[in-house]
Amino acid sequence: MIIDIKSVLSTIKNAKTIKALDDIKVEYLGKKGKLSSSMSELKDASIEEKKRIGKYINDIKTSIIEALENKKTELEEKEFQATLLSEKIDVTLDAKPGKVGKIHPITKVTEEIFNILKSFSFKFVTGPEIETDFFNFTALNIPKFHPARQMHDTFYLKDSDKMLRTHTSPVQIHQMVNHTPPIKVFTCGTVYRNDYDATHTPMFHQLEVLYVDKDVTFTNMKWFCMEFCKAFFETDKIKIRLRPSYFPFTEPSAELDVAYKRGDDGQFIIGDGDDWLEIVGCGMVHPNVIKNCDINPNVYQGFAFGFGIERLASLKYGIPDLRGYFDYNAKWMDCFGFNPL
C-alpha cells in the first residue's frame, strides 16, 4: 500500500482538535491502521524487498508520530491560552472570609489560673494519670472503707491494682515523697470518675495547689484564698468564707465560699450580694499525709487547695451544663462570648 506522506502530514497540520489528531493516529498507526496493513503485505516479499519496504514504512511512521506530537503540543497550548482568557480572576476583590477558631473555655480558664499561680511563685508539676492504690488513696489518708474506692466511683484497670486517678492529689504525694520541703507547687490535669449528668462528667480537669514549709498556718491559706479569688474573678469587691468541712487528706478542712447575687439575666455576679456559693475545697495537709511521705509533721506543715476547672469556668462565664464542654460546636462557644484566636 502506497501512503502519500505529504497528504498525511498536511492533514495533521490542518487538524483543529486533539480528537482529530487521535483519529489520524488510529487511521495510520492503530492495530488495523494503514501502516499495519502495509507491514502484513511483506510476508510474500523477498528479503531485499522486506528491508527496503520496511525502512520506508518505519520512516513514514516516525514522521507521522513526530508530526502528531508537535501538533498536539500546539493545540494544547492554544487551549491553555484560551482558558486563561476565559477564566480571568479579579485579584483586587476581597478574599472570602475564612473560619476563625476560638479559645475553648477550659483552655482559657486554665491559662488564666496558671498565670495567677505563677505570680505567687508556685511551680507547675505533673504526674501520671494511671495510679496505684498507695498514691491515689492510702497515702492521702483515705481509709479502706471509703466510698471513693468502690467500683461505682473509680475506674480500675482490668486484672490490676491500678486505676485511673480520681483526683490530682496523687501528684502532691509524688512531690512530697521525692522532694524535701519547702514545696510550693501546683498541678493540673484530667481526672476520672464514674459520673455523668449536668454537673458531673466521667472525665474532667482538676487543679490543685500544695504549699509545705515550716510555720505554714491556716491564716496563710485564708490570705491566699482571698487573693486568688480577687485575681480570678477580677474584682477587689469580694467576700469569702471558709466553711468547716471534711476531707481525709486535710485537717482542718474547709469549703471556700464566695458571696454572689444573680443579675437581671439570671447570671451569677461574683463578689456582691448576700448569697454564698461553694467553689473550692481546701485545708491544712493532714499530719498523717505528711508522715506517709516520710516528712516530719512536727517540723513541716502545709495547705492544699483544689477545684475543678470546669466548675470555675462555668461560674465565671455563666455556662450552666458541664456536658457542653465535651459537645463542642461554634454556636455553643458564641453563646458565652469567647473571643476568636
C-alpha atoms as a PDB file:
ATOM      1  CA  MET A   1       0.000   0.000   0.000  1.00  0.00           C
ATOM      2  CA  ILE A   2       1.420   3.342  -1.017  1.00  0.00           C
ATOM      3  CA  ILE A   3       0.913   6.115   1.583  1.00  0.00           C
ATOM      4  CA  ASP A   4       1.092   9.735   0.498  1.00  0.00           C
ATOM      5  CA  ILE A   5       3.140  11.076   3.423  1.00  0.00           C
ATOM      6  CA  LYS A   6       2.784  14.683   2.271  1.00  0.00           C
ATOM      7  CA  SER A   7      -1.002  14.373   2.363  1.00  0.00           C
ATOM      8  CA  VAL A   8      -0.894  12.799   5.826  1.00  0.00           C
ATOM      9  CA  LEU A   9       1.385  15.498   7.209  1.00  0.00           C
ATOM     10  CA  SER A  10      -0.865  18.178   5.690  1.00  0.00           C
ATOM     11  CA  THR A  11      -3.917  16.613   7.324  1.00  0.00           C
ATOM     12  CA  ILE A  12      -2.139  16.621  10.675  1.00  0.00           C
ATOM     13  CA  LYS A  13      -1.052  20.246  10.209  1.00  0.00           C
ATOM     14  CA  ASN A  14      -4.637  21.354   9.487  1.00  0.00           C
ATOM     15  CA  ALA A  15      -6.212  19.424  12.387  1.00  0.00           C
ATOM     16  CA  LYS A  16      -8.242  21.692  14.678  1.00  0.00           C
ATOM     17  CA  THR A  17      -8.742  19.483  17.693  1.00  0.00           C
ATOM     18  CA  ILE A  18      -6.915  16.841  19.718  1.00  0.00           C
ATOM     19  CA  LYS A  19      -9.722  14.424  18.868  1.00  0.00           C
ATOM     20  CA  ALA A  20      -8.951  14.875  15.172  1.00  0.00           C
ATOM     21  CA  LEU A  21      -5.332  14.002  15.887  1.00  0.00           C
ATOM     22  CA  ASP A  22      -6.430  10.872  17.745  1.00  0.00           C
ATOM     23  CA  ASP A  23      -8.495   9.807  14.730  1.00  0.00           C
ATOM     24  CA  ILE A  24      -5.484  10.245  12.424  1.00  0.00           C
ATOM     25  CA  LYS A  25      -3.305   8.250  14.804  1.00  0.00           C
ATOM     26  CA  VAL A  26      -5.779   5.351  14.797  1.00  0.00           C
ATOM     27  CA  GLU A  27      -6.145   5.510  10.994  1.00  0.00           C
ATOM     28  CA  TYR A  28      -2.428   5.133  10.327  1.00  0.00           C
ATOM     29  CA  LEU A  29      -0.809   3.738  13.490  1.00  0.00           C
ATOM     30  CA  GLY A  30      -3.563   1.618  15.015  1.00  0.00           C
ATOM     31  CA  LYS A  31      -3.561  -2.188  15.020  1.00  0.00           C
ATOM     32  CA  LYS A  32      -5.806  -2.168  11.971  1.00  0.00           C
ATOM     33  CA  GLY A  33      -4.311   1.046  10.561  1.00  0.00           C
ATOM     34  CA  LYS A  34      -2.792   1.570   7.142  1.00  0.00           C
ATOM     35  CA  LEU A  35       0.796   1.083   8.275  1.00  0.00           C
ATOM     36  CA  SER A  36      -0.075  -2.225   9.938  1.00  0.00           C
ATOM     37  CA  SER A  37      -1.780  -3.361   6.708  1.00  0.00           C
ATOM     38  CA  SER A  38       1.333  -2.404   4.730  1.00  0.00           C
ATOM     39  CA  MET A  39       3.525  -4.455   7.018  1.00  0.00           C
ATOM     40  CA  SER A  40       1.286  -7.507   6.580  1.00  0.00           C
ATOM     41  CA  GLU A  41       1.844  -7.353   2.797  1.00  0.00           C
ATOM     42  CA  LEU A  42       5.545  -8.029   3.237  1.00  0.00           C
ATOM     43  CA  LYS A  43       5.087 -11.730   4.046  1.00  0.00           C
ATOM     44  CA  ASP A  44       5.383 -12.751   0.396  1.00  0.00           C
ATOM     45  CA  ALA A  45       8.164 -10.281  -0.482  1.00  0.00           C
ATOM     46  CA  SER A  46      11.814 -11.190  -0.898  1.00  0.00           C
ATOM     47  CA  ILE A  47      14.373 -10.418   1.778  1.00  0.00           C
ATOM     48  CA  GLU A  48      15.712  -7.439  -0.146  1.00  0.00           C
ATOM     49  CA  GLU A  49      12.185  -6.034  -0.685  1.00  0.00           C
ATOM     50  CA  LYS A  50      11.356  -6.553   3.003  1.00  0.00           C
ATOM     51  CA  LYS A  51      14.396  -4.484   4.003  1.00  0.00           C
ATOM     52  CA  ARG A  52      13.610  -1.695   1.551  1.00  0.00           C
ATOM     53  CA  ILE A  53       9.862  -1.507   2.181  1.00  0.00           C
ATOM     54  CA  GLY A  54      10.294  -1.966   5.972  1.00  0.00           C
ATOM     55  CA  LYS A  55      12.663   1.005   6.133  1.00  0.00           C
ATOM     56  CA  TYR A  56      10.209   3.070   4.082  1.00  0.00           C
ATOM     57  CA  ILE A  57       7.304   2.221   6.386  1.00  0.00           C
ATOM     58  CA  ASN A  58       9.358   2.942   9.537  1.00  0.00           C
ATOM     59  CA  ASP A  59      10.418   6.349   8.153  1.00  0.00           C
ATOM     60  CA  ILE A  60       6.767   7.187   7.451  1.00  0.00           C
ATOM     61  CA  LYS A  61       5.767   6.008  10.954  1.00  0.00           C
ATOM     62  CA  THR A  62       8.471   8.173  12.565  1.00  0.00           C
ATOM     63  CA  SER A  63       7.382  11.218  10.540  1.00  0.00           C
ATOM     64  CA  ILE A  64       3.712  10.736  11.462  1.00  0.00           C
ATOM     65  CA  ILE A  65       4.470  10.265  15.187  1.00  0.00           C
ATOM     66  CA  GLU A  66       6.663  13.380  15.279  1.00  0.00           C
ATOM     67  CA  ALA A  67       4.056  15.459  13.445  1.00  0.00           C
ATOM     68  CA  LEU A  68       1.277  14.247  15.744  1.00  0.00           C
ATOM     69  CA  GLU A  69       3.263  15.135  18.892  1.00  0.00           C
ATOM     70  CA  ASN A  70       4.187  18.604  17.627  1.00  0.00           C
ATOM     71  CA  LYS A  71       0.624  19.360  16.595  1.00  0.00           C
ATOM     72  CA  LYS A  72      -0.754  18.072  19.911  1.00  0.00           C
ATOM     73  CA  THR A  73       1.603  20.356  21.857  1.00  0.00           C
ATOM     74  CA  GLU A  74       0.475  23.282  19.670  1.00  0.00           C
ATOM     75  CA  LEU A  75      -3.229  22.563  20.224  1.00  0.00           C
ATOM     76  CA  GLU A  76      -2.787  22.094  23.985  1.00  0.00           C
ATOM     77  CA  GLU A  77      -1.025  25.449  24.249  1.00  0.00           C
ATOM     78  CA  LYS A  78      -3.867  27.122  22.332  1.00  0.00           C
ATOM     79  CA  GLU A  79      -6.439  25.536  24.652  1.00  0.00           C
ATOM     80  CA  PHE A  80      -4.465  26.680  27.702  1.00  0.00           C
ATOM     81  CA  GLN A  81      -4.262  30.261  26.437  1.00  0.00           C
ATOM     82  CA  ALA A  82      -7.974  30.235  25.655  1.00  0.00           C
ATOM     83  CA  THR A  83      -8.709  29.008  29.168  1.00  0.00           C
ATOM     84  CA  LEU A  84      -6.616  31.802  30.677  1.00  0.00           C
ATOM     85  CA  LEU A  85      -8.530  34.404  28.641  1.00  0.00           C
ATOM     86  CA  SER A  86     -11.931  32.968  29.578  1.00  0.00           C
ATOM     87  CA  GLU A  87     -11.213  32.452  33.307  1.00  0.00           C
ATOM     88  CA  LYS A  88      -9.814  35.765  34.419  1.00  0.00           C
ATOM     89  CA  ILE A  89      -9.695  36.465  38.169  1.00  0.00           C
ATOM     90  CA  ASP A  90     -10.007  39.946  39.625  1.00  0.00           C
ATOM     91  CA  VAL A  91      -7.226  39.878  42.200  1.00  0.00           C
ATOM     92  CA  THR A  92      -8.417  43.209  43.629  1.00  0.00           C
ATOM     93  CA  LEU A  93     -11.570  41.583  45.061  1.00  0.00           C
ATOM     94  CA  ASP A  94     -11.707  40.888  48.778  1.00  0.00           C
ATOM     95  CA  ALA A  95     -10.888  37.330  49.760  1.00  0.00           C
ATOM     96  CA  LYS A  96     -13.648  35.082  51.072  1.00  0.00           C
ATOM     97  CA  PRO A  97     -13.762  35.271  54.857  1.00  0.00           C
ATOM     98  CA  GLY A  98     -12.168  32.254  56.490  1.00  0.00           C
ATOM     99  CA  LYS A  99     -13.409  30.440  59.565  1.00  0.00           C
ATOM    100  CA  VAL A 100     -11.747  31.717  62.729  1.00  0.00           C
ATOM    101  CA  GLY A 101     -11.280  29.372  65.663  1.00  0.00           C
ATOM    102  CA  LYS A 102     -11.915  30.315  69.271  1.00  0.00           C
ATOM    103  CA  ILE A 103     -10.206  29.527  72.534  1.00  0.00           C
ATOM    104  CA  HIS A 104     -12.053  26.759  74.360  1.00  0.00           C
ATOM    105  CA  PRO A 105     -13.223  27.839  77.849  1.00  0.00           C
ATOM    106  CA  ILE A 106     -11.174  25.074  79.519  1.00  0.00           C
ATOM    107  CA  THR A 107      -8.013  26.329  77.819  1.00  0.00           C
ATOM    108  CA  LYS A 108      -8.834  29.949  78.553  1.00  0.00           C
ATOM    109  CA  VAL A 109      -9.546  29.421  82.249  1.00  0.00           C
ATOM    110  CA  THR A 110      -6.537  27.128  82.681  1.00  0.00           C
ATOM    111  CA  GLU A 111      -4.238  29.776  81.223  1.00  0.00           C
ATOM    112  CA  GLU A 112      -5.763  32.425  83.491  1.00  0.00           C
ATOM    113  CA  ILE A 113      -5.207  30.281  86.595  1.00  0.00           C
ATOM    114  CA  PHE A 114      -1.669  29.321  85.545  1.00  0.00           C
ATOM    115  CA  ASN A 115      -0.734  32.986  85.247  1.00  0.00           C
ATOM    116  CA  ILE A 116      -2.221  33.765  88.668  1.00  0.00           C
ATOM    117  CA  LEU A 117      -0.412  30.923  90.447  1.00  0.00           C
ATOM    118  CA  LYS A 118       2.897  31.666  88.753  1.00  0.00           C
ATOM    119  CA  SER A 119       2.579  35.256  90.010  1.00  0.00           C
ATOM    120  CA  PHE A 120       2.529  33.721  93.533  1.00  0.00           C
ATOM    121  CA  SER A 121       5.768  31.834  92.678  1.00  0.00           C
ATOM    122  CA  PHE A 122       4.115  28.412  92.514  1.00  0.00           C
ATOM    123  CA  LYS A 123       5.827  25.903  90.208  1.00  0.00           C
ATOM    124  CA  PHE A 124       3.818  23.762  87.789  1.00  0.00           C
ATOM    125  CA  VAL A 125       4.328  19.973  88.099  1.00  0.00           C
ATOM    126  CA  THR A 126       2.655  16.928  86.545  1.00  0.00           C
ATOM    127  CA  GLY A 127       2.049  13.295  87.409  1.00  0.00           C
ATOM    128  CA  PRO A 128       0.754  10.029  85.861  1.00  0.00           C
ATOM    129  CA  GLU A 129      -2.935   9.539  85.074  1.00  0.00           C
ATOM    130  CA  ILE A 130      -2.722   5.819  85.936  1.00  0.00           C
ATOM    131  CA  GLU A 131      -2.051   5.475  89.655  1.00  0.00           C
ATOM    132  CA  THR A 132      -1.536   2.845  92.328  1.00  0.00           C
ATOM    133  CA  ASP A 133      -3.674   2.480  95.425  1.00  0.00           C
ATOM    134  CA  PHE A 134      -0.901   3.992  97.560  1.00  0.00           C
ATOM    135  CA  PHE A 135      -0.689   7.311  95.711  1.00  0.00           C
ATOM    136  CA  ASN A 136      -4.382   7.644  94.883  1.00  0.00           C
ATOM    137  CA  PHE A 137      -5.827   6.571  98.253  1.00  0.00           C
ATOM    138  CA  THR A 138      -3.620   5.188 101.024  1.00  0.00           C
ATOM    139  CA  ALA A 139      -1.011   7.950 101.247  1.00  0.00           C
ATOM    140  CA  LEU A 140      -3.832  10.503 101.215  1.00  0.00           C
ATOM    141  CA  ASN A 141      -5.281   9.039 104.413  1.00  0.00           C
ATOM    142  CA  ILE A 142      -8.325   7.607 102.596  1.00  0.00           C
ATOM    143  CA  PRO A 143      -9.409   4.501 104.567  1.00  0.00           C
ATOM    144  CA  LYS A 144     -10.181   1.129 103.035  1.00  0.00           C
ATOM    145  CA  PHE A 145     -13.921   1.515 103.576  1.00  0.00           C
ATOM    146  CA  HIS A 146     -14.163   4.960 101.919  1.00  0.00           C
ATOM    147  CA  PRO A 147     -16.867   5.096  99.154  1.00  0.00           C
ATOM    148  CA  ALA A 148     -14.394   6.570  96.651  1.00  0.00           C
ATOM    149  CA  ARG A 149     -12.642   3.216  96.492  1.00  0.00           C
ATOM    150  CA  GLN A 150     -15.763   1.432  95.283  1.00  0.00           C
ATOM    151  CA  MET A 151     -16.098   0.257  91.690  1.00  0.00           C
ATOM    152  CA  HIS A 152     -19.046   2.570  91.038  1.00  0.00           C
ATOM    153  CA  ASP A 153     -16.846   5.632  91.583  1.00  0.00           C
ATOM    154  CA  THR A 154     -13.377   4.574  90.397  1.00  0.00           C
ATOM    155  CA  PHE A 155     -12.252   3.170  87.038  1.00  0.00           C
ATOM    156  CA  TYR A 156      -9.981   0.238  87.881  1.00  0.00           C
ATOM    157  CA  LEU A 157      -7.733  -1.353  85.257  1.00  0.00           C
ATOM    158  CA  LYS A 158      -8.660  -4.948  84.451  1.00  0.00           C
ATOM    159  CA  ASP A 159      -6.584  -7.587  86.269  1.00  0.00           C
ATOM    160  CA  SER A 160      -4.567  -4.898  88.028  1.00  0.00           C
ATOM    161  CA  ASP A 161      -4.432  -2.968  91.284  1.00  0.00           C
ATOM    162  CA  LYS A 162      -4.007   0.241  89.282  1.00  0.00           C
ATOM    163  CA  MET A 163      -6.691   2.765  88.404  1.00  0.00           C
ATOM    164  CA  LEU A 164      -7.369   5.978  86.528  1.00  0.00           C
ATOM    165  CA  ARG A 165      -6.648   8.706  89.050  1.00  0.00           C
ATOM    166  CA  THR A 166      -9.788  10.126  90.654  1.00  0.00           C
ATOM    167  CA  HIS A 167      -8.151  13.444  91.545  1.00  0.00           C
ATOM    168  CA  THR A 168      -4.844  15.276  91.038  1.00  0.00           C
ATOM    169  CA  SER A 169      -3.922  14.880  94.728  1.00  0.00           C
ATOM    170  CA  PRO A 170      -1.569  11.933  93.972  1.00  0.00           C
ATOM    171  CA  VAL A 171       0.746  14.480  92.344  1.00  0.00           C
ATOM    172  CA  GLN A 172       1.097  16.095  95.770  1.00  0.00           C
ATOM    173  CA  ILE A 173       2.215  12.738  97.193  1.00  0.00           C
ATOM    174  CA  HIS A 174       4.773  12.266  94.422  1.00  0.00           C
ATOM    175  CA  GLN A 175       6.178  15.715  95.207  1.00  0.00           C
ATOM    176  CA  MET A 176       6.406  15.115  98.952  1.00  0.00           C
ATOM    177  CA  VAL A 177       7.886  11.632  98.530  1.00  0.00           C
ATOM    178  CA  ASN A 178      10.562  12.792  96.088  1.00  0.00           C
ATOM    179  CA  HIS A 179      11.371  16.286  97.395  1.00  0.00           C
ATOM    180  CA  THR A 180      12.342  17.869 100.670  1.00  0.00           C
ATOM    181  CA  PRO A 181      10.330  20.917 101.810  1.00  0.00           C
ATOM    182  CA  PRO A 182       9.870  23.730 101.160  1.00  0.00           C
ATOM    183  CA  ILE A 183       7.476  22.582  98.425  1.00  0.00           C
ATOM    184  CA  LYS A 184       5.437  25.190  96.568  1.00  0.00           C
ATOM    185  CA  VAL A 185       3.756  23.646  93.539  1.00  0.00           C
ATOM    186  CA  PHE A 186       0.529  23.337  91.597  1.00  0.00           C
ATOM    187  CA  THR A 187      -0.682  20.690  89.193  1.00  0.00           C
ATOM    188  CA  CYS A 188      -3.437  20.464  86.622  1.00  0.00           C
ATOM    189  CA  GLY A 189      -4.770  17.615  84.509  1.00  0.00           C
ATOM    190  CA  THR A 190      -7.552  15.195  83.676  1.00  0.00           C
ATOM    191  CA  VAL A 191      -9.145  13.003  86.329  1.00  0.00           C
ATOM    192  CA  TYR A 192     -11.747  10.253  86.030  1.00  0.00           C
ATOM    193  CA  ARG A 193     -14.879   9.336  87.986  1.00  0.00           C
ATOM    194  CA  ASN A 194     -17.924   7.286  87.119  1.00  0.00           C
ATOM    195  CA  ASP A 195     -20.415  10.177  86.920  1.00  0.00           C
ATOM    196  CA  TYR A 196     -22.390  11.779  84.092  1.00  0.00           C
ATOM    197  CA  ASP A 197     -25.089  14.447  84.479  1.00  0.00           C
ATOM    198  CA  ALA A 198     -25.484  18.222  84.163  1.00  0.00           C
ATOM    199  CA  THR A 199     -22.930  18.893  86.886  1.00  0.00           C
ATOM    200  CA  HIS A 200     -20.648  15.836  86.522  1.00  0.00           C
ATOM    201  CA  THR A 201     -18.724  14.211  83.687  1.00  0.00           C
ATOM    202  CA  PRO A 202     -16.676  10.976  83.728  1.00  0.00           C
ATOM    203  CA  MET A 203     -13.582  12.911  82.709  1.00  0.00           C
ATOM    204  CA  PHE A 204     -12.853  16.457  83.855  1.00  0.00           C
ATOM    205  CA  HIS A 205      -9.974  18.774  84.656  1.00  0.00           C
ATOM    206  CA  GLN A 206      -8.790  19.428  88.168  1.00  0.00           C
ATOM    207  CA  LEU A 207      -6.197  21.818  89.569  1.00  0.00           C
ATOM    208  CA  GLU A 208      -4.538  21.641  92.985  1.00  0.00           C
ATOM    209  CA  VAL A 209      -2.098  23.783  94.927  1.00  0.00           C
ATOM    210  CA  LEU A 210       0.316  22.495  97.585  1.00  0.00           C
ATOM    211  CA  TYR A 211       2.491  24.571  99.891  1.00  0.00           C
ATOM    212  CA  VAL A 212       4.575  22.800 102.542  1.00  0.00           C
ATOM    213  CA  ASP A 213       7.139  24.580 104.718  1.00  0.00           C
ATOM    214  CA  LYS A 214       7.933  25.415 108.326  1.00  0.00           C
ATOM    215  CA  ASP A 215       5.368  27.552 110.143  1.00  0.00           C
ATOM    216  CA  VAL A 216       2.681  27.450 107.421  1.00  0.00           C
ATOM    217  CA  THR A 217      -0.644  28.329 109.062  1.00  0.00           C
ATOM    218  CA  PHE A 218      -4.356  28.375 108.344  1.00  0.00           C
ATOM    219  CA  THR A 219      -4.098  32.164 108.188  1.00  0.00           C
ATOM    220  CA  ASN A 220      -1.644  31.856 105.292  1.00  0.00           C
ATOM    221  CA  MET A 221      -4.155  29.695 103.466  1.00  0.00           C
ATOM    222  CA  LYS A 222      -7.032  32.112 104.062  1.00  0.00           C
ATOM    223  CA  TRP A 223      -4.989  35.035 102.711  1.00  0.00           C
ATOM    224  CA  PHE A 224      -4.040  33.023  99.646  1.00  0.00           C
ATOM    225  CA  CYS A 225      -7.679  32.026  99.014  1.00  0.00           C
ATOM    226  CA  MET A 226      -8.763  35.656  99.171  1.00  0.00           C
ATOM    227  CA  GLU A 227      -6.037  36.869  96.795  1.00  0.00           C
ATOM    228  CA  PHE A 228      -6.658  34.038  94.343  1.00  0.00           C
ATOM    229  CA  CYS A 229     -10.389  34.810  94.160  1.00  0.00           C
ATOM    230  CA  LYS A 230      -9.715  38.520  93.612  1.00  0.00           C
ATOM    231  CA  ALA A 231      -7.379  37.742  90.743  1.00  0.00           C
ATOM    232  CA  PHE A 232      -9.532  35.054  89.112  1.00  0.00           C
ATOM    233  CA  PHE A 233     -12.874  36.858  89.284  1.00  0.00           C
ATOM    234  CA  GLU A 234     -11.132  40.164  88.514  1.00  0.00           C
ATOM    235  CA  THR A 235     -12.631  42.182  91.337  1.00  0.00           C
ATOM    236  CA  ASP A 236     -11.438  43.540  94.670  1.00  0.00           C
ATOM    237  CA  LYS A 237     -15.058  43.596  95.866  1.00  0.00           C
ATOM    238  CA  ILE A 238     -15.139  40.022  97.006  1.00  0.00           C
ATOM    239  CA  LYS A 239     -16.265  38.331 100.181  1.00  0.00           C
ATOM    240  CA  ILE A 240     -15.219  34.815 101.083  1.00  0.00           C
ATOM    241  CA  ARG A 241     -15.890  32.468 103.943  1.00  0.00           C
ATOM    242  CA  LEU A 242     -14.226  29.224 104.943  1.00  0.00           C
ATOM    243  CA  ARG A 243     -16.935  26.811 105.978  1.00  0.00           C
ATOM    244  CA  PRO A 244     -15.841  23.763 108.036  1.00  0.00           C
ATOM    245  CA  SER A 245     -15.895  20.555 106.019  1.00  0.00           C
ATOM    246  CA  TYR A 246     -14.248  17.122 105.905  1.00  0.00           C
ATOM    247  CA  PHE A 247     -11.577  15.687 103.607  1.00  0.00           C
ATOM    248  CA  PRO A 248      -9.473  12.678 104.637  1.00  0.00           C
ATOM    249  CA  PHE A 249      -6.260  14.351 103.478  1.00  0.00           C
ATOM    250  CA  THR A 250      -6.637  17.737 105.237  1.00  0.00           C
ATOM    251  CA  GLU A 251      -7.272  18.751 108.845  1.00  0.00           C
ATOM    252  CA  PRO A 252      -8.788  21.199 109.464  1.00  0.00           C
ATOM    253  CA  SER A 253     -10.690  21.214 106.171  1.00  0.00           C
ATOM    254  CA  ALA A 254     -12.924  23.868 104.653  1.00  0.00           C
ATOM    255  CA  GLU A 255     -15.136  24.669 101.700  1.00  0.00           C
ATOM    256  CA  LEU A 256     -14.320  28.064 100.234  1.00  0.00           C
ATOM    257  CA  ASP A 257     -17.498  30.049  99.556  1.00  0.00           C
ATOM    258  CA  VAL A 258     -17.779  33.374  97.719  1.00  0.00           C
ATOM    259  CA  ALA A 259     -20.602  35.896  98.008  1.00  0.00           C
ATOM    260  CA  TYR A 260     -22.746  36.393  94.918  1.00  0.00           C
ATOM    261  CA  LYS A 261     -26.049  37.633  93.586  1.00  0.00           C
ATOM    262  CA  ARG A 262     -27.971  36.993  90.386  1.00  0.00           C
ATOM    263  CA  GLY A 263     -28.157  39.653  87.695  1.00  0.00           C
ATOM    264  CA  ASP A 264     -31.273  40.512  85.686  1.00  0.00           C
ATOM    265  CA  ASP A 265     -30.278  37.880  83.121  1.00  0.00           C
ATOM    266  CA  GLY A 266     -30.020  35.229  85.842  1.00  0.00           C
ATOM    267  CA  GLN A 267     -26.220  35.047  85.715  1.00  0.00           C
ATOM    268  CA  PHE A 268     -24.068  34.971  88.827  1.00  0.00           C
ATOM    269  CA  ILE A 269     -22.358  38.205  89.845  1.00  0.00           C
ATOM    270  CA  ILE A 270     -19.413  37.139  91.988  1.00  0.00           C
ATOM    271  CA  GLY A 271     -18.215  39.469  94.730  1.00  0.00           C
ATOM    272  CA  ASP A 272     -21.515  41.123  95.513  1.00  0.00           C
ATOM    273  CA  GLY A 273     -24.711  40.008  97.234  1.00  0.00           C
ATOM    274  CA  ASP A 274     -25.700  38.111 100.349  1.00  0.00           C
ATOM    275  CA  ASP A 275     -25.872  34.563  98.976  1.00  0.00           C
ATOM    276  CA  TRP A 276     -22.978  32.134  99.187  1.00  0.00           C
ATOM    277  CA  LEU A 277     -21.599  29.778  96.568  1.00  0.00           C
ATOM    278  CA  GLU A 278     -19.079  26.995  97.213  1.00  0.00           C
ATOM    279  CA  ILE A 279     -16.240  26.999  94.686  1.00  0.00           C
ATOM    280  CA  VAL A 280     -13.255  25.006  96.007  1.00  0.00           C
ATOM    281  CA  GLY A 281     -12.124  22.701  98.765  1.00  0.00           C
ATOM    282  CA  CYS A 282      -9.075  23.480 100.884  1.00  0.00           C
ATOM    283  CA  GLY A 283      -7.404  22.774 104.201  1.00  0.00           C
ATOM    284  CA  MET A 284      -4.198  22.138 106.098  1.00  0.00           C
ATOM    285  CA  VAL A 285      -2.408  18.999 104.913  1.00  0.00           C
ATOM    286  CA  HIS A 286      -3.252  16.197 107.342  1.00  0.00           C
ATOM    287  CA  PRO A 287      -0.299  15.184 109.572  1.00  0.00           C
ATOM    288  CA  ASN A 288      -0.844  11.564 108.532  1.00  0.00           C
ATOM    289  CA  VAL A 289      -0.349  12.505 104.870  1.00  0.00           C
ATOM    290  CA  ILE A 290       2.887  14.325 105.693  1.00  0.00           C
ATOM    291  CA  LYS A 291       4.025  11.336 107.763  1.00  0.00           C
ATOM    292  CA  ASN A 292       3.158   8.910 104.926  1.00  0.00           C
ATOM    293  CA  CYS A 293       5.636  10.815 102.745  1.00  0.00           C
ATOM    294  CA  ASP A 294       8.447  10.461 105.309  1.00  0.00           C
ATOM    295  CA  ILE A 295       8.281  14.117 106.334  1.00  0.00           C
ATOM    296  CA  ASN A 296       8.176  15.141 109.988  1.00  0.00           C
ATOM    297  CA  PRO A 297       4.747  16.754 110.662  1.00  0.00           C
ATOM    298  CA  ASN A 298       6.120  18.340 113.829  1.00  0.00           C
ATOM    299  CA  VAL A 299       8.505  20.400 111.730  1.00  0.00           C
ATOM    300  CA  TYR A 300       6.613  20.955 108.472  1.00  0.00           C
ATOM    301  CA  GLN A 301       3.026  21.963 107.822  1.00  0.00           C
ATOM    302  CA  GLY A 302       1.223  22.921 104.640  1.00  0.00           C
ATOM    303  CA  PHE A 303      -2.039  23.740 102.955  1.00  0.00           C
ATOM    304  CA  ALA A 304      -3.750  22.304  99.869  1.00  0.00           C
ATOM    305  CA  PHE A 305      -6.293  23.952  97.629  1.00  0.00           C
ATOM    306  CA  GLY A 306      -8.181  22.192  94.821  1.00  0.00           C
ATOM    307  CA  PHE A 307     -11.054  22.589  92.393  1.00  0.00           C
ATOM    308  CA  GLY A 308     -12.483  21.522  89.040  1.00  0.00           C
ATOM    309  CA  ILE A 309     -11.563  23.767  86.108  1.00  0.00           C
ATOM    310  CA  GLU A 310     -14.991  23.251  84.523  1.00  0.00           C
ATOM    311  CA  ARG A 311     -16.748  24.496  87.652  1.00  0.00           C
ATOM    312  CA  LEU A 312     -14.769  27.722  87.863  1.00  0.00           C
ATOM    313  CA  ALA A 313     -15.190  28.289  84.127  1.00  0.00           C
ATOM    314  CA  SER A 314     -18.950  27.802  84.484  1.00  0.00           C
ATOM    315  CA  LEU A 315     -19.157  30.297  87.354  1.00  0.00           C
ATOM    316  CA  LYS A 316     -17.062  32.940  85.628  1.00  0.00           C
ATOM    317  CA  TYR A 317     -18.653  32.657  82.180  1.00  0.00           C
ATOM    318  CA  GLY A 318     -22.188  31.514  83.027  1.00  0.00           C
ATOM    319  CA  ILE A 319     -22.098  28.019  81.494  1.00  0.00           C
ATOM    320  CA  PRO A 320     -24.984  26.007  83.001  1.00  0.00           C
ATOM    321  CA  ASP A 321     -24.231  22.456  81.806  1.00  0.00           C
ATOM    322  CA  LEU A 322     -20.796  20.837  82.061  1.00  0.00           C
ATOM    323  CA  ARG A 323     -21.599  18.413  79.240  1.00  0.00           C
ATOM    324  CA  GLY A 324     -21.349  21.290  76.760  1.00  0.00           C
ATOM    325  CA  TYR A 325     -17.574  21.352  77.253  1.00  0.00           C
ATOM    326  CA  PHE A 326     -17.338  17.953  75.553  1.00  0.00           C
ATOM    327  CA  ASP A 327     -20.031  18.511  72.888  1.00  0.00           C
ATOM    328  CA  TYR A 328     -18.148  21.369  71.261  1.00  0.00           C
ATOM    329  CA  ASN A 329     -19.611  23.424  68.445  1.00  0.00           C
ATOM    330  CA  ALA A 330     -19.081  27.019  67.329  1.00  0.00           C
ATOM    331  CA  LYS A 331     -22.605  28.152  68.224  1.00  0.00           C
ATOM    332  CA  TRP A 332     -22.163  26.882  71.782  1.00  0.00           C
ATOM    333  CA  MET A 333     -18.972  28.952  72.030  1.00  0.00           C
ATOM    334  CA  ASP A 334     -20.737  32.033  70.636  1.00  0.00           C
ATOM    335  CA  CYS A 335     -23.368  31.868  73.378  1.00  0.00           C
ATOM    336  CA  PHE A 336     -20.786  32.644  76.053  1.00  0.00           C
ATOM    337  CA  GLY A 337     -18.845  35.356  74.268  1.00  0.00           C
ATOM    338  CA  PHE A 338     -15.487  33.641  73.800  1.00  0.00           C
ATOM    339  CA  ASN A 339     -13.216  35.705  71.584  1.00  0.00           C
ATOM    340  CA  PRO A 340     -11.570  34.470  68.361  1.00  0.00           C
ATOM    341  CA  LEU A 341      -7.969  33.322  68.491  1.00  0.00           C
END
